[in-house]
């Protein structure tokens, strides 16, 4: 495939983006296509992707993909490879969120969050890595969240699915960087993507959680776009820039609210680490040497 625009001498990349029918995934796909790269847009339905793909008929391919379905994952990767020859950048962006206290949420809902937000990403990573390893070239972008580093009441299951993605990615980059590959985490804050209309509560309210989960229920009813400072177009541009001109960083924080919340969490963690220094030391075997790992 050839570029429709952009300098002909620039290296041509093929991106596969999950969750590309709306929000950040759609903004990123549009940004990448506008700058001349090729994109495989994926989402459970083609609606929301067809118009963008039609604007770039030679460099865009829109595919239906439910990331929780192993056969659909295999088919999407196979079709992407058949169409463009390689996948240079995988962006695991697909995610769902239910709100509610840990005790309130339904099991089907919190398991679904892990299936999409974590296991779906794992499945995509394991499918694209063989080709990247063979070429000794490729980048994996796992879209986490400020919630992946700093949890809040009523958002425990979403946060824990993103915490899991964080742990996986931290191990992944240590495994693949010696091979010439790269993986990093995107940490956006509250991005103005209309997510307030797509997020729902799971389970029935429990009165004892009125001050925590209940407060979130009340807040959700009052949300306005202005309460989301993140600009999806600017976040998309920042992600593309990080892929094309790597900074060497592994946690890419985007949004002033994300910067503040993560900084608060790190300050709390450092304070507790220092407060527990003596206890940490006295729980070793007497006279034991330094840890191997």
Protein backbone atom coordinates (compact mmCIF):
# COMPACT_ATOMS: atom_id res chain seq x y z
CA UNK A 1 0.00 0.00 0.00
CA UNK A 2 1.15 3.58 -0.65
CA UNK A 3 0.59 6.81 1.20
CA UNK A 4 -2.19 9.15 0.21
CA UNK A 5 -0.38 12.16 1.64
CA UNK A 6 2.72 13.07 3.59
CA UNK A 7 6.35 12.93 2.52
CA UNK A 8 7.08 9.89 0.42
CA UNK A 9 10.48 9.40 2.08
CA UNK A 10 8.98 9.01 5.58
CA UNK A 11 8.81 5.44 6.90
CA UNK A 12 5.33 4.01 6.43
CA UNK A 13 3.82 2.43 9.53
CA UNK A 14 0.73 0.32 9.95
CA UNK A 15 -1.21 0.85 13.16
CA UNK A 16 -3.85 -1.46 14.59
CA UNK A 17 -6.09 0.42 17.02
CA UNK A 18 -8.78 -1.25 19.13
CA UNK A 19 -11.79 0.72 20.30
CA UNK A 20 -11.51 3.01 17.26
CA UNK A 21 -15.19 3.77 16.73
CA UNK A 22 -15.26 6.69 19.17
CA UNK A 23 -13.31 8.69 21.70
CA UNK A 24 -9.54 8.56 21.90
CA UNK A 25 -9.25 5.55 19.57
CA UNK A 26 -11.12 7.36 16.80
CA UNK A 27 -9.16 10.58 17.35
CA UNK A 28 -5.87 8.68 17.20
CA UNK A 29 -6.87 6.85 14.01
CA UNK A 30 -7.82 10.14 12.36
CA UNK A 31 -4.56 11.77 13.46
CA UNK A 32 -2.44 8.92 12.14
CA UNK A 33 -4.27 8.73 8.82
CA UNK A 34 -4.07 12.49 8.33
CA UNK A 35 -0.29 12.28 8.66
CA UNK A 36 -0.02 9.54 6.06
CA UNK A 37 0.32 6.25 7.93
CA UNK A 38 -1.92 3.21 7.52
CA UNK A 39 -4.49 2.22 10.12
CA UNK A 40 -6.55 -0.85 10.90
CA UNK A 41 -9.52 0.52 12.83
CA UNK A 42 -11.31 -2.04 14.98
CA UNK A 43 -14.39 -2.02 17.19
CA UNK A 44 -17.30 -4.40 17.88
CA UNK A 45 -19.35 -2.71 15.12
CA UNK A 46 -18.31 -0.80 12.00
CA UNK A 47 -20.57 2.10 12.89
CA UNK A 48 -18.42 5.07 13.78
CA UNK A 49 -15.46 3.89 11.70
CA UNK A 50 -16.88 3.59 8.18
CA UNK A 51 -16.93 7.31 7.41
CA UNK A 52 -13.31 7.80 8.44
CA UNK A 53 -12.18 4.70 6.55
CA UNK A 54 -14.03 5.90 3.45
CA UNK A 55 -12.02 9.15 3.51
CA UNK A 56 -8.81 7.12 3.31
CA UNK A 57 -9.69 4.12 1.12
CA UNK A 58 -6.08 3.17 0.40
CA UNK A 59 -4.66 3.56 3.90
CA UNK A 60 -7.54 2.61 6.22
CA UNK A 61 -9.15 -0.75 6.91
CA UNK A 62 -12.15 -0.95 9.25
CA UNK A 63 -12.82 -4.33 10.88
CA UNK A 64 -15.35 -5.61 13.37
CA UNK A 65 -13.53 -6.86 16.46
CA UNK A 66 -14.79 -7.84 19.87
CA UNK A 67 -11.47 -8.14 21.70
CA UNK A 68 -12.96 -10.71 24.08
CA UNK A 69 -13.51 -13.16 21.20
CA UNK A 70 -10.34 -15.20 20.45
CA UNK A 71 -11.46 -16.11 16.92
CA UNK A 72 -12.25 -12.49 16.07
CA UNK A 73 -8.85 -11.43 17.39
CA UNK A 74 -7.10 -13.98 15.15
CA UNK A 75 -9.20 -12.99 12.15
CA UNK A 76 -8.55 -9.27 12.63
CA UNK A 77 -4.79 -9.73 12.85
CA UNK A 78 -4.76 -12.11 9.87
CA UNK A 79 -6.77 -9.66 7.75
CA UNK A 80 -4.58 -6.75 8.80
CA UNK A 81 -1.45 -8.67 7.80
CA UNK A 82 -2.99 -9.79 4.51
CA UNK A 83 -4.01 -6.22 3.67
CA UNK A 84 -0.96 -4.23 4.81
CA UNK A 85 1.77 -6.85 5.26
CA UNK A 86 2.75 -6.02 8.84
CA UNK A 87 1.55 -4.43 12.07
CA UNK A 88 4.08 -1.89 13.28
CA UNK A 89 2.11 -0.32 16.12
CA UNK A 90 -0.54 -2.01 18.26
CA UNK A 91 -2.67 0.33 20.35
CA UNK A 92 -4.74 -1.50 22.96
CA UNK A 93 -7.36 1.18 23.56
CA UNK A 94 -10.62 -0.78 23.90
CA UNK A 95 -12.08 -0.53 27.40
CA UNK A 96 -15.34 -0.57 29.32
CA UNK A 97 -16.20 0.78 32.75
CA UNK A 98 -18.91 0.14 35.32
CA UNK A 99 -19.16 2.13 38.52
CA UNK A 100 -20.16 0.91 41.94
CA UNK A 101 -18.63 -0.15 45.23
CA UNK A 102 -16.74 -3.44 45.31
CA UNK A 103 -19.65 -5.07 47.17
CA UNK A 104 -22.30 -3.53 44.91
CA UNK A 105 -21.17 -4.47 41.41
CA UNK A 106 -22.51 -7.57 39.65
CA UNK A 107 -20.06 -10.37 38.93
CA UNK A 108 -20.89 -10.39 35.21
CA UNK A 109 -19.98 -6.71 35.00
CA UNK A 110 -16.68 -6.79 36.85
CA UNK A 111 -15.58 -9.89 34.96
CA UNK A 112 -16.51 -8.18 31.68
CA UNK A 113 -14.22 -5.27 32.56
CA UNK A 114 -11.27 -7.62 32.94
CA UNK A 115 -12.14 -9.50 29.75
CA UNK A 116 -12.07 -6.29 27.69
CA UNK A 117 -9.57 -4.10 29.51
CA UNK A 118 -6.98 -6.75 30.37
CA UNK A 119 -7.44 -10.14 28.72
CA UNK A 120 -8.47 -8.60 25.38
CA UNK A 121 -5.24 -6.59 25.36
CA UNK A 122 -3.23 -9.68 26.33
CA UNK A 123 -4.74 -11.61 23.43
CA UNK A 124 -3.85 -8.88 20.92
CA UNK A 125 -0.31 -8.56 22.25
CA UNK A 126 0.35 -12.29 21.94
CA UNK A 127 -0.89 -12.26 18.33
CA UNK A 128 1.23 -9.36 17.08
CA UNK A 129 4.45 -10.11 18.96
CA UNK A 130 5.65 -12.99 16.73
CA UNK A 131 5.75 -10.72 13.66
CA UNK A 132 7.37 -7.88 15.58
CA UNK A 133 10.01 -10.22 16.98
CA UNK A 134 10.76 -11.57 13.54
CA UNK A 135 11.29 -8.06 12.14
CA UNK A 136 12.96 -6.80 15.36
CA UNK A 137 10.70 -3.78 15.02
CA UNK A 138 7.41 -2.73 16.58
CA UNK A 139 5.69 -0.74 19.29
CA UNK A 140 2.91 -1.72 21.67
CA UNK A 141 0.90 1.07 23.28
CA UNK A 142 -1.30 -0.01 26.17
CA UNK A 143 -3.81 2.68 27.03
CA UNK A 144 -4.20 2.69 30.78
CA UNK A 145 -5.53 5.64 32.76
CA UNK A 146 -4.76 7.77 35.77
CA UNK A 147 -7.07 5.19 37.39
CA UNK A 148 -4.44 2.57 36.58
CA UNK A 149 -2.11 4.15 39.11
CA UNK A 150 -4.51 5.80 41.56
CA UNK A 151 -7.84 4.17 42.36
CA UNK A 152 -11.01 5.85 43.61
CA UNK A 153 -14.09 4.57 45.44
CA UNK A 154 -16.79 3.18 43.13
CA UNK A 155 -14.19 2.54 40.43
CA UNK A 156 -12.32 -0.37 41.98
CA UNK A 157 -12.87 -2.97 39.28
CA UNK A 158 -12.04 -0.66 36.39
CA UNK A 159 -8.95 0.53 38.23
CA UNK A 160 -7.87 -3.01 39.08
CA UNK A 161 -8.18 -4.05 35.42
CA UNK A 162 -5.92 -1.14 34.51
CA UNK A 163 -3.56 -1.93 37.43
CA UNK A 164 -3.24 -5.40 35.88
CA UNK A 165 -2.47 -3.88 32.48
CA UNK A 166 0.19 -1.71 34.12
CA UNK A 167 1.90 -4.73 35.70
CA UNK A 168 1.80 -6.70 32.47
CA UNK A 169 3.25 -3.83 30.46
CA UNK A 170 6.04 -3.20 32.95
CA UNK A 171 7.15 -6.81 32.55
CA UNK A 172 6.59 -6.70 28.80
CA UNK A 173 8.93 -3.84 28.07
CA UNK A 174 11.70 -5.52 30.06
CA UNK A 175 11.21 -8.63 27.94
CA UNK A 176 11.04 -7.01 24.49
CA UNK A 177 13.31 -3.98 24.64
CA UNK A 178 16.45 -6.17 24.32
CA UNK A 179 14.90 -7.40 21.04
CA UNK A 180 14.58 -3.89 19.60
CA UNK A 181 10.87 -3.60 20.37
CA UNK A 182 9.08 -1.11 22.58
CA UNK A 183 6.07 -1.05 24.90
CA UNK A 184 4.74 1.82 26.95
CA UNK A 185 1.71 2.91 28.93
CA UNK A 186 -0.50 5.86 28.09
CA UNK A 187 -1.94 7.50 31.22
CA UNK A 188 -4.70 9.91 30.14
CA UNK A 189 -6.83 11.76 32.63
CA UNK A 190 -10.46 12.72 32.08
CA UNK A 191 -10.70 13.12 28.31
CA UNK A 192 -13.71 14.81 26.72
CA UNK A 193 -14.94 11.85 24.67
CA UNK A 194 -18.55 11.59 25.83
CA UNK A 195 -17.69 8.73 28.17
CA UNK A 196 -20.04 10.19 30.77
CA UNK A 197 -22.91 9.02 28.55
CA UNK A 198 -21.49 5.51 28.17
CA UNK A 199 -20.61 4.79 31.81
CA UNK A 200 -23.24 3.15 33.99
CA UNK A 201 -23.52 1.82 37.52
CA UNK A 202 -23.56 -1.88 38.24
CA UNK A 203 -25.69 -3.52 40.91
CA UNK A 204 -27.96 -1.98 43.50
CA UNK A 205 -26.93 0.83 45.86
CA UNK A 206 -26.10 -0.12 49.44
CA UNK A 207 -26.95 2.61 51.93
CA UNK A 208 -23.73 2.15 53.90
CA UNK A 209 -21.77 3.34 50.84
CA UNK A 210 -23.75 6.55 50.41
CA UNK A 211 -20.68 8.68 51.16
CA UNK A 212 -18.46 6.92 48.60
CA UNK A 213 -20.21 5.00 45.82
CA UNK A 214 -23.39 6.95 46.44
CA UNK A 215 -21.56 10.23 45.99
CA UNK A 216 -20.31 9.02 42.62
CA UNK A 217 -23.86 8.19 41.57
CA UNK A 218 -24.92 11.72 42.36
CA UNK A 219 -21.89 13.19 40.58
CA UNK A 220 -22.49 11.15 37.41
CA UNK A 221 -25.93 12.70 37.02
CA UNK A 222 -24.37 16.19 37.10
CA UNK A 223 -21.42 15.64 34.77
CA UNK A 224 -20.89 18.11 31.94
CA UNK A 225 -18.26 18.06 29.17
CA UNK A 226 -16.49 20.98 30.85
CA UNK A 227 -15.64 18.71 33.77
CA UNK A 228 -13.36 16.71 31.45
CA UNK A 229 -10.23 18.81 30.77
CA UNK A 230 -8.53 16.40 28.36
CA UNK A 231 -8.67 17.17 24.64
CA UNK A 232 -8.83 13.90 22.64
CA UNK A 233 -7.25 15.53 19.59
CA UNK A 234 -4.26 16.72 21.60
CA UNK A 235 -3.96 13.43 23.47
CA UNK A 236 -3.96 11.60 20.12
CA UNK A 237 -1.26 13.90 18.75
CA UNK A 238 0.87 13.34 21.86
CA UNK A 239 0.57 9.56 21.51
CA UNK A 240 1.54 9.67 17.85
CA UNK A 241 4.51 11.88 18.70
CA UNK A 242 5.68 9.44 21.37
CA UNK A 243 5.52 6.52 18.93
CA UNK A 244 7.37 8.38 16.16
CA UNK A 245 9.97 10.12 18.34
CA UNK A 246 10.42 7.89 21.39
CA UNK A 247 11.36 9.67 24.59
CA UNK A 248 12.45 6.47 26.30
CA UNK A 249 9.75 6.95 28.92
CA UNK A 250 7.40 4.13 29.89
CA UNK A 251 4.56 6.06 31.57
CA UNK A 252 3.17 8.82 29.36
CA UNK A 253 0.92 10.99 31.53
CA UNK A 254 -1.49 13.24 29.62
CA UNK A 255 -3.78 15.72 31.31
CA UNK A 256 -3.36 18.10 34.22
CA UNK A 257 -5.80 16.09 36.34
CA UNK A 258 -3.82 12.91 35.69
CA UNK A 259 -0.59 14.66 36.65
CA UNK A 260 -2.11 15.88 39.94
CA UNK A 261 -3.79 12.60 40.92
CA UNK A 262 -0.75 10.44 40.14
CA UNK A 263 1.54 12.86 41.96
CA UNK A 264 -0.72 12.68 45.03
CA UNK A 265 -0.64 8.87 44.93
CA UNK A 266 3.14 8.78 44.62
CA UNK A 267 3.54 11.19 47.54
CA UNK A 268 1.31 9.01 49.69
CA UNK A 269 3.21 5.88 48.69
CA UNK A 270 6.59 7.45 49.41
CA UNK A 271 5.39 8.64 52.81
CA UNK A 272 4.16 5.15 53.74
CA UNK A 273 7.34 3.57 52.39
CA UNK A 274 9.44 5.78 54.64
CA UNK A 275 7.15 5.21 57.64
CA UNK A 276 7.55 1.45 57.22
CA UNK A 277 11.32 1.42 56.67
CA UNK A 278 12.10 -0.08 60.10
CA UNK A 279 9.45 -2.79 59.79
CA UNK A 280 10.69 -3.75 56.32
CA UNK A 281 14.20 -4.26 57.68
CA UNK A 282 13.26 -6.32 60.70
CA UNK A 283 11.23 -8.85 58.70
CA UNK A 284 14.33 -10.33 57.00
CA UNK A 285 16.17 -13.37 58.32
CA UNK A 286 18.93 -12.15 60.66
CA UNK A 287 22.18 -11.66 58.76
CA UNK A 288 20.64 -12.31 55.34
CA UNK A 289 22.41 -10.74 52.38
CA UNK A 290 20.99 -8.52 49.65
CA UNK A 291 18.07 -9.87 47.63
CA UNK A 292 18.86 -11.63 44.37
CA UNK A 293 16.19 -9.75 42.45
